[in-house]
Every structure is written in structure tokens, then in C-alpha cells.
N, C-alpha and C. Protein backbone atom coordinates (compact mmCIF):
# COMPACT_ATOMS: atom_id res chain seq x y z
N MET A 1 97.98 110.59 106.73
CA MET A 1 97.77 109.41 105.98
C MET A 1 96.54 109.56 105.22
N ARG A 2 96.69 109.26 103.92
CA ARG A 2 95.57 109.63 103.11
C ARG A 2 94.74 108.24 102.75
N LEU A 3 94.31 107.64 103.68
CA LEU A 3 93.48 106.32 103.61
C LEU A 3 92.30 106.51 104.70
N THR A 4 91.03 106.10 104.24
CA THR A 4 90.02 106.08 105.30
C THR A 4 90.21 105.00 106.27
N ALA A 5 89.41 104.85 107.21
CA ALA A 5 89.31 103.95 108.23
C ALA A 5 88.93 102.54 107.63
N SER A 6 87.90 102.63 106.85
CA SER A 6 87.48 101.62 105.86
C SER A 6 88.65 100.90 104.97
N GLN A 7 89.28 101.72 104.45
CA GLN A 7 90.51 101.10 103.58
C GLN A 7 91.65 100.71 104.44
N ILE A 8 91.88 101.16 105.73
CA ILE A 8 92.91 100.50 106.52
C ILE A 8 92.32 99.32 106.96
N GLU A 9 91.19 99.07 107.10
CA GLU A 9 90.76 97.75 107.79
C GLU A 9 90.65 96.68 106.55
N THR A 10 90.37 97.11 105.44
CA THR A 10 90.41 96.37 104.29
C THR A 10 91.83 95.78 103.94
N ILE A 11 92.89 96.74 104.35
CA ILE A 11 94.24 96.29 103.86
C ILE A 11 94.67 95.33 105.11
N ARG A 12 94.18 95.66 106.25
CA ARG A 12 94.49 94.57 107.50
C ARG A 12 93.88 93.28 107.28
N GLN A 13 92.64 93.20 106.80
CA GLN A 13 91.80 91.90 106.63
C GLN A 13 92.59 91.32 105.42
N ALA A 14 92.81 91.88 104.44
CA ALA A 14 93.34 91.16 103.27
C ALA A 14 94.70 90.53 103.51
N THR A 15 95.60 91.28 104.40
CA THR A 15 96.85 90.78 104.73
C THR A 15 96.64 89.58 105.92
N ARG A 16 95.85 89.73 106.86
CA ARG A 16 95.60 88.49 107.67
C ARG A 16 94.98 87.28 106.80
N GLN A 17 94.13 87.49 105.84
CA GLN A 17 93.66 86.45 104.97
C GLN A 17 94.78 85.43 104.17
N ASN A 18 95.71 86.45 103.72
CA ASN A 18 96.73 85.90 102.79
C ASN A 18 98.01 85.51 103.41
N PHE A 19 98.16 86.21 104.59
CA PHE A 19 99.63 85.77 105.25
C PHE A 19 99.46 85.52 106.66
N GLY A 20 98.35 85.33 107.14
CA GLY A 20 98.21 84.98 108.60
C GLY A 20 98.03 86.02 109.49
N ALA A 21 97.50 85.65 110.75
CA ALA A 21 97.34 86.50 111.81
C ALA A 21 98.65 87.34 112.38
N ASP A 22 99.88 86.72 112.13
CA ASP A 22 101.01 87.10 112.60
C ASP A 22 101.70 88.22 111.79
N ALA A 23 101.09 88.36 110.50
CA ALA A 23 101.83 89.31 109.45
C ALA A 23 101.74 90.73 110.00
N SER A 24 102.67 91.46 109.67
CA SER A 24 102.69 93.05 109.83
C SER A 24 102.71 93.81 108.70
N VAL A 25 101.90 94.87 108.49
CA VAL A 25 101.88 95.75 107.36
C VAL A 25 102.06 96.98 107.71
N TRP A 26 102.67 97.67 106.73
CA TRP A 26 102.96 99.11 106.79
C TRP A 26 102.48 99.90 105.35
N LEU A 27 102.09 100.96 105.45
CA LEU A 27 101.63 101.88 104.31
C LEU A 27 103.03 102.80 104.15
N PHE A 28 103.27 102.99 103.13
CA PHE A 28 104.51 103.96 102.89
C PHE A 28 104.46 104.62 101.62
N GLY A 29 105.28 105.46 101.18
CA GLY A 29 105.07 106.28 99.85
C GLY A 29 104.16 107.50 99.86
N SER A 30 103.72 107.85 98.75
CA SER A 30 102.88 109.17 98.78
C SER A 30 101.79 109.00 99.52
N ARG A 31 100.94 107.91 99.84
CA ARG A 31 99.79 107.86 100.67
C ARG A 31 99.99 108.32 102.00
N VAL A 32 101.37 108.22 102.61
CA VAL A 32 101.67 108.68 104.12
C VAL A 32 101.65 110.19 104.13
N ASP A 33 101.93 110.76 103.01
CA ASP A 33 102.06 112.28 102.95
C ASP A 33 100.78 112.96 102.58
N ASP A 34 100.16 113.72 103.71
CA ASP A 34 98.64 114.48 103.55
C ASP A 34 98.68 115.59 102.75
N ALA A 35 99.95 115.96 102.31
CA ALA A 35 99.96 117.34 101.45
C ALA A 35 99.95 116.74 99.84
N ARG A 36 100.14 115.58 99.55
CA ARG A 36 100.24 115.17 98.34
C ARG A 36 98.66 114.53 97.72
N ARG A 37 98.59 114.39 96.61
CA ARG A 37 97.26 114.15 96.04
C ARG A 37 97.41 112.79 95.13
N GLY A 38 96.48 111.97 95.05
CA GLY A 38 96.33 110.69 94.28
C GLY A 38 97.64 109.66 94.53
N GLY A 39 97.96 109.12 93.62
CA GLY A 39 98.96 108.03 93.89
C GLY A 39 98.22 106.91 94.04
N ASP A 40 99.19 105.72 94.00
CA ASP A 40 98.89 104.35 94.32
C ASP A 40 99.00 104.08 95.65
N VAL A 41 98.90 102.96 96.21
CA VAL A 41 98.81 102.50 97.58
C VAL A 41 100.07 101.47 97.60
N ASP A 42 101.20 101.98 98.37
CA ASP A 42 102.39 101.18 98.59
C ASP A 42 102.25 100.43 99.98
N ILE A 43 102.28 99.08 99.89
CA ILE A 43 102.20 98.35 101.15
C ILE A 43 103.44 97.50 101.08
N TYR A 44 103.95 97.35 102.38
CA TYR A 44 104.99 96.29 102.68
C TYR A 44 104.48 95.52 103.73
N ILE A 45 104.80 94.09 103.59
CA ILE A 45 104.38 93.23 104.55
C ILE A 45 105.51 92.27 105.07
N GLU A 46 105.52 91.85 106.18
CA GLU A 46 106.35 90.93 106.88
C GLU A 46 105.58 89.79 107.34
N HIS A 47 105.99 88.53 107.20
CA HIS A 47 105.23 87.39 107.66
C HIS A 47 106.26 86.42 108.06
N THR A 48 105.72 85.28 108.83
CA THR A 48 106.68 84.20 109.22
C THR A 48 106.74 82.98 108.33
N GLY A 49 105.71 83.18 107.20
CA GLY A 49 105.89 82.12 106.19
C GLY A 49 106.81 82.04 105.42
N LYS A 50 107.14 80.81 104.54
CA LYS A 50 108.24 80.72 103.60
C LYS A 50 107.75 81.01 102.24
N ASN A 51 106.52 80.74 101.95
CA ASN A 51 106.15 80.96 100.45
C ASN A 51 105.37 82.35 100.47
N THR A 52 105.81 83.16 99.45
CA THR A 52 105.35 84.55 99.47
C THR A 52 104.54 84.90 98.12
N LEU A 53 104.92 84.09 96.98
CA LEU A 53 104.30 84.50 95.65
C LEU A 53 102.79 84.26 95.66
N MET A 54 102.35 83.09 95.74
CA MET A 54 100.91 83.02 95.82
C MET A 54 100.19 83.85 96.60
N PRO A 55 100.47 84.01 98.08
CA PRO A 55 99.86 84.76 98.93
C PRO A 55 99.71 86.41 98.68
N ALA A 56 101.06 86.77 97.91
CA ALA A 56 101.28 88.08 97.47
C ALA A 56 100.34 88.50 96.36
N LEU A 57 100.04 87.64 95.41
CA LEU A 57 99.31 87.75 94.25
C LEU A 57 97.75 87.75 94.87
N ARG A 58 97.33 86.88 95.57
CA ARG A 58 96.04 86.94 95.90
C ARG A 58 95.63 88.14 96.79
N CYS A 59 96.71 88.60 97.58
CA CYS A 59 96.55 89.80 98.44
C CYS A 59 96.48 91.06 97.25
N LYS A 60 97.32 91.04 96.50
CA LYS A 60 97.37 92.44 95.56
C LYS A 60 96.02 92.50 94.77
N ILE A 61 95.37 91.25 94.33
CA ILE A 61 94.21 91.18 93.69
C ILE A 61 93.29 91.58 94.52
N ALA A 62 93.11 90.99 95.62
CA ALA A 62 92.01 91.50 96.55
C ALA A 62 91.96 93.04 97.01
N LEU A 63 93.17 93.47 97.10
CA LEU A 63 93.20 94.81 97.59
C LEU A 63 92.97 95.83 96.47
N GLU A 64 93.24 95.54 95.18
CA GLU A 64 92.89 96.32 94.16
C GLU A 64 91.72 96.17 93.76
N ASP A 65 91.03 95.15 93.94
CA ASP A 65 89.48 94.96 93.57
C ASP A 65 88.75 95.78 94.82
N SER A 66 89.12 95.65 96.14
CA SER A 66 88.35 96.17 97.10
C SER A 66 88.42 97.75 97.23
N LEU A 67 89.74 98.17 96.88
CA LEU A 67 89.94 99.68 97.15
C LEU A 67 90.01 100.30 95.88
N ASP A 68 89.79 99.74 94.68
CA ASP A 68 89.68 100.29 93.29
C ASP A 68 90.61 101.35 93.17
N LEU A 69 91.96 100.82 93.57
CA LEU A 69 93.14 101.71 93.42
C LEU A 69 94.40 100.78 92.93
N HIS A 70 95.43 101.33 92.49
CA HIS A 70 96.54 100.37 92.00
C HIS A 70 97.20 100.27 93.44
N VAL A 71 97.65 99.11 93.57
CA VAL A 71 98.49 98.65 94.84
C VAL A 71 99.83 98.12 94.35
N ASP A 72 100.90 98.80 94.83
CA ASP A 72 102.31 98.11 94.87
C ASP A 72 102.53 97.18 96.09
N LEU A 73 102.65 96.01 96.13
CA LEU A 73 102.66 95.21 96.99
C LEU A 73 104.24 94.67 97.27
N ILE A 74 105.02 95.06 98.44
CA ILE A 74 106.15 94.39 98.67
C ILE A 74 106.20 93.54 99.88
N VAL A 75 106.67 92.16 99.69
CA VAL A 75 106.54 91.37 100.81
C VAL A 75 108.12 90.82 101.10
N LYS A 76 108.30 91.04 102.19
CA LYS A 76 109.58 90.49 102.69
C LYS A 76 109.99 89.11 102.45
N GLU A 77 110.95 88.77 101.51
CA GLU A 77 111.44 87.44 101.32
C GLU A 77 112.28 86.91 102.59
N PRO A 78 111.92 85.55 103.13
CA PRO A 78 112.58 85.22 104.32
C PRO A 78 114.15 85.09 103.83
N GLY A 79 114.91 85.52 104.90
CA GLY A 79 116.42 85.28 104.74
C GLY A 79 117.09 86.27 103.69
N ILE A 80 116.18 87.18 103.43
CA ILE A 80 116.94 88.23 102.34
C ILE A 80 116.50 89.48 103.04
N ASP A 81 117.54 90.41 102.74
CA ASP A 81 117.40 91.98 103.22
C ASP A 81 117.71 92.91 102.11
N LYS A 82 116.64 93.77 101.96
CA LYS A 82 116.73 94.59 100.73
C LYS A 82 116.54 96.06 101.27
N PRO A 83 117.20 97.05 100.78
CA PRO A 83 117.17 98.43 101.28
C PRO A 83 115.62 98.85 101.07
N ILE A 84 114.58 98.47 100.36
CA ILE A 84 113.40 98.80 100.33
C ILE A 84 112.65 98.39 101.42
N TYR A 85 113.06 97.21 102.17
CA TYR A 85 112.37 96.91 103.35
C TYR A 85 112.63 97.68 104.61
N GLN A 86 113.74 98.23 104.69
CA GLN A 86 113.94 99.15 105.81
C GLN A 86 113.47 100.54 105.48
N LEU A 87 113.56 100.83 104.21
CA LEU A 87 113.01 102.31 103.71
C LEU A 87 111.26 102.23 104.17
N ALA A 88 110.72 101.07 103.73
CA ALA A 88 109.29 101.05 103.85
C ALA A 88 109.01 101.15 105.37
N LYS A 89 109.74 100.53 106.13
CA LYS A 89 109.43 100.39 107.71
C LYS A 89 109.94 101.80 108.25
N THR A 90 110.85 102.28 107.97
CA THR A 90 111.27 103.67 108.59
C THR A 90 110.51 104.73 108.16
N GLN A 91 110.13 104.96 106.95
CA GLN A 91 109.36 106.18 106.35
C GLN A 91 107.90 105.76 106.43
N GLY A 92 107.45 104.65 106.53
CA GLY A 92 106.09 104.29 106.50
C GLY A 92 105.28 104.21 107.92
N VAL A 93 104.12 104.02 107.80
CA VAL A 93 103.26 103.86 108.90
C VAL A 93 102.72 102.24 109.13
N ARG A 94 102.91 101.85 110.29
CA ARG A 94 102.27 100.60 110.51
C ARG A 94 100.89 100.57 110.67
N LEU A 95 100.23 99.74 109.98
CA LEU A 95 98.78 99.68 109.98
C LEU A 95 98.24 98.56 111.05
């Protein structure tokens, strides 16, 4: 995984602040592969809340400001199942 301990803690903290302590977060995509270089930060979040738009926007902005990297943020929508959700969980690393 190509993130520092500090970057991982920043992601965890932003997730908790915007989605609550019960939120779960995964890193997926190119940053999981140690053999690759560069790339954005792909993050998948699951939480128990019903509202996702504003928390997602606040989280994305906070992460991009803190990490100084582009962040692709996917938040599971309640009651909806999309293939990207399963892909992120199975190919990703839970933080």
C-alpha cells in the first residue's frame, strides 16, 4: 500500500468526522499496488447514515486539502448495491 501512516490516519480521521465513528473505509485502486507509481487516492466508505452528499463533499475536500492529492471518493448509498462497492471491498484494503 502506497500511503504513509500519517496519510492513513488523515483518511480515518476525515471519515470519522464526516460520517461518524461507525463508518468503515477502504483504500482501493492503484495506491494498493506497491509496484505502481503515482495515481490518485481511491476511497470507498460505508456508513449507517442516510444522507451521503454533503458529508461526501466535505470529506473529499478535507482529504484533498490534507493529502495534497486527488481523491476519488465513493460512498455507499443506502439500499443500493453497485458493482463498484463489491470491487472496492474485495480488491481494496480496509483502513
